[in-house]
Protein backbone atom coordinates (compact mmCIF):
# COMPACT_ATOMS: atom_id res chain seq x y z
CA MET A 1 114.20 104.58 106.38
CA ALA A 2 116.64 101.70 106.25
CA SER A 3 119.55 101.69 108.64
CA LEU A 4 122.80 102.39 106.82
CA GLU A 5 126.33 101.54 107.99
CA THR A 6 127.82 104.68 109.52
CA SER A 7 130.64 103.44 111.77
CA ASN A 8 133.33 103.87 109.09
CA LYS A 9 132.96 107.32 107.56
CA THR A 10 134.93 109.08 104.85
CA GLN A 11 134.67 112.81 104.37
CA MET A 12 134.08 113.87 100.78
CA THR A 13 133.50 117.14 98.99
CA ILE A 14 130.85 117.36 96.30
CA GLU A 15 129.92 120.13 93.91
CA LEU A 16 126.25 120.78 93.15
CA PRO A 17 124.64 123.12 90.68
CA GLU A 18 123.64 126.30 92.52
CA LYS A 19 119.92 125.71 91.94
CA LEU A 20 120.08 122.19 93.37
CA ALA A 21 122.08 123.41 96.39
CA LYS A 22 119.40 126.04 97.10
CA GLU A 23 116.64 123.44 96.76
CA LEU A 24 118.52 121.16 99.16
CA LYS A 25 118.94 123.94 101.74
CA SER A 26 115.25 124.81 101.44
CA TYR A 27 114.26 121.15 101.85
CA LEU A 28 116.47 120.76 104.93
CA ALA A 29 114.99 123.91 106.49
CA GLU A 30 111.51 122.40 106.18
CA ASN A 31 112.52 118.82 107.07
CA THR A 32 114.62 119.22 110.19
CA GLY A 33 114.77 115.46 110.80
CA ASP A 34 116.84 114.99 107.65
CA SER A 35 120.48 115.87 107.03
CA ILE A 36 122.63 116.19 103.94
CA GLU A 37 124.41 113.01 105.02
CA SER A 38 121.17 111.03 105.41
CA ILE A 39 119.77 112.20 102.06
CA ILE A 40 122.95 111.41 100.13
CA SER A 41 123.48 108.11 101.94
CA GLU A 42 119.94 106.95 101.18
CA ALA A 43 120.16 108.04 97.53
CA LEU A 44 123.50 106.32 97.01
CA HIS A 45 122.30 103.18 98.76
CA VAL A 46 119.29 102.96 96.45
CA ARG A 47 121.31 103.85 93.36
CA THR A 48 124.22 101.51 93.98
CA PHE A 49 122.36 98.58 95.54
CA PRO A 50 119.13 98.19 93.53
CA LYS A 51 119.17 94.42 94.08
CA ASP A 52 115.72 94.22 95.69
CA PRO A 53 113.06 95.78 93.43
CA ALA A 54 110.59 95.75 96.34
CA GLU A 55 112.77 98.27 98.20
CA ILE A 56 112.85 100.59 95.20
CA LEU A 57 109.07 100.31 94.80
CA LYS A 58 108.67 100.97 98.53
CA LEU A 59 110.72 104.16 98.24
CA ALA A 60 108.66 105.22 95.24
CA GLY A 61 105.42 104.60 97.16
CA VAL A 62 104.26 101.88 94.78
CA VAL A 63 101.97 99.23 96.25
CA THR A 64 102.98 95.76 95.15
CA GLN A 65 100.28 93.83 97.03
CA ALA A 66 96.75 94.83 97.91
CA SER A 67 93.60 93.11 99.03
CA ARG A 68 91.21 91.79 96.41
CA GLY A 69 88.98 94.56 95.14
CA ALA A 70 91.29 97.35 96.31
CA ALA A 71 91.42 98.83 92.80
CA GLU A 72 87.68 99.46 92.85
CA HIS A 73 88.05 101.47 96.07
CA ALA A 74 91.24 103.34 95.21
CA GLU A 75 91.25 107.11 95.49
CA ASP A 76 91.63 109.05 92.25
CA PRO A 77 94.17 111.87 92.75
CA SER A 78 92.62 113.82 89.85
CA ASP A 79 89.34 114.33 91.79
C-alpha cells in the first residue's frame, strides 16, 4: 500500500448506511492489519488523485505488462 501523509490529521465524523458499517466491522475483524483510517485514506487517495492510471490498475489487480506468450499460459478462473 502506498504511504499516505499522516502528520497533519483532521478528525471527521462520517455516517454510513447500517449494512455498510456492519460489513466494515466484519472486514476489520478478519483483517486486523487494516484500520478504518487506512481504508478510508486509501479509498480517498485513489478517488481524489486518479492521475496515474497504472496505480488504479495496480489496485484493481490488472496486469498492464506481461511476457510474450503469457496469455497462452494464463489460468482460467472458470475452471
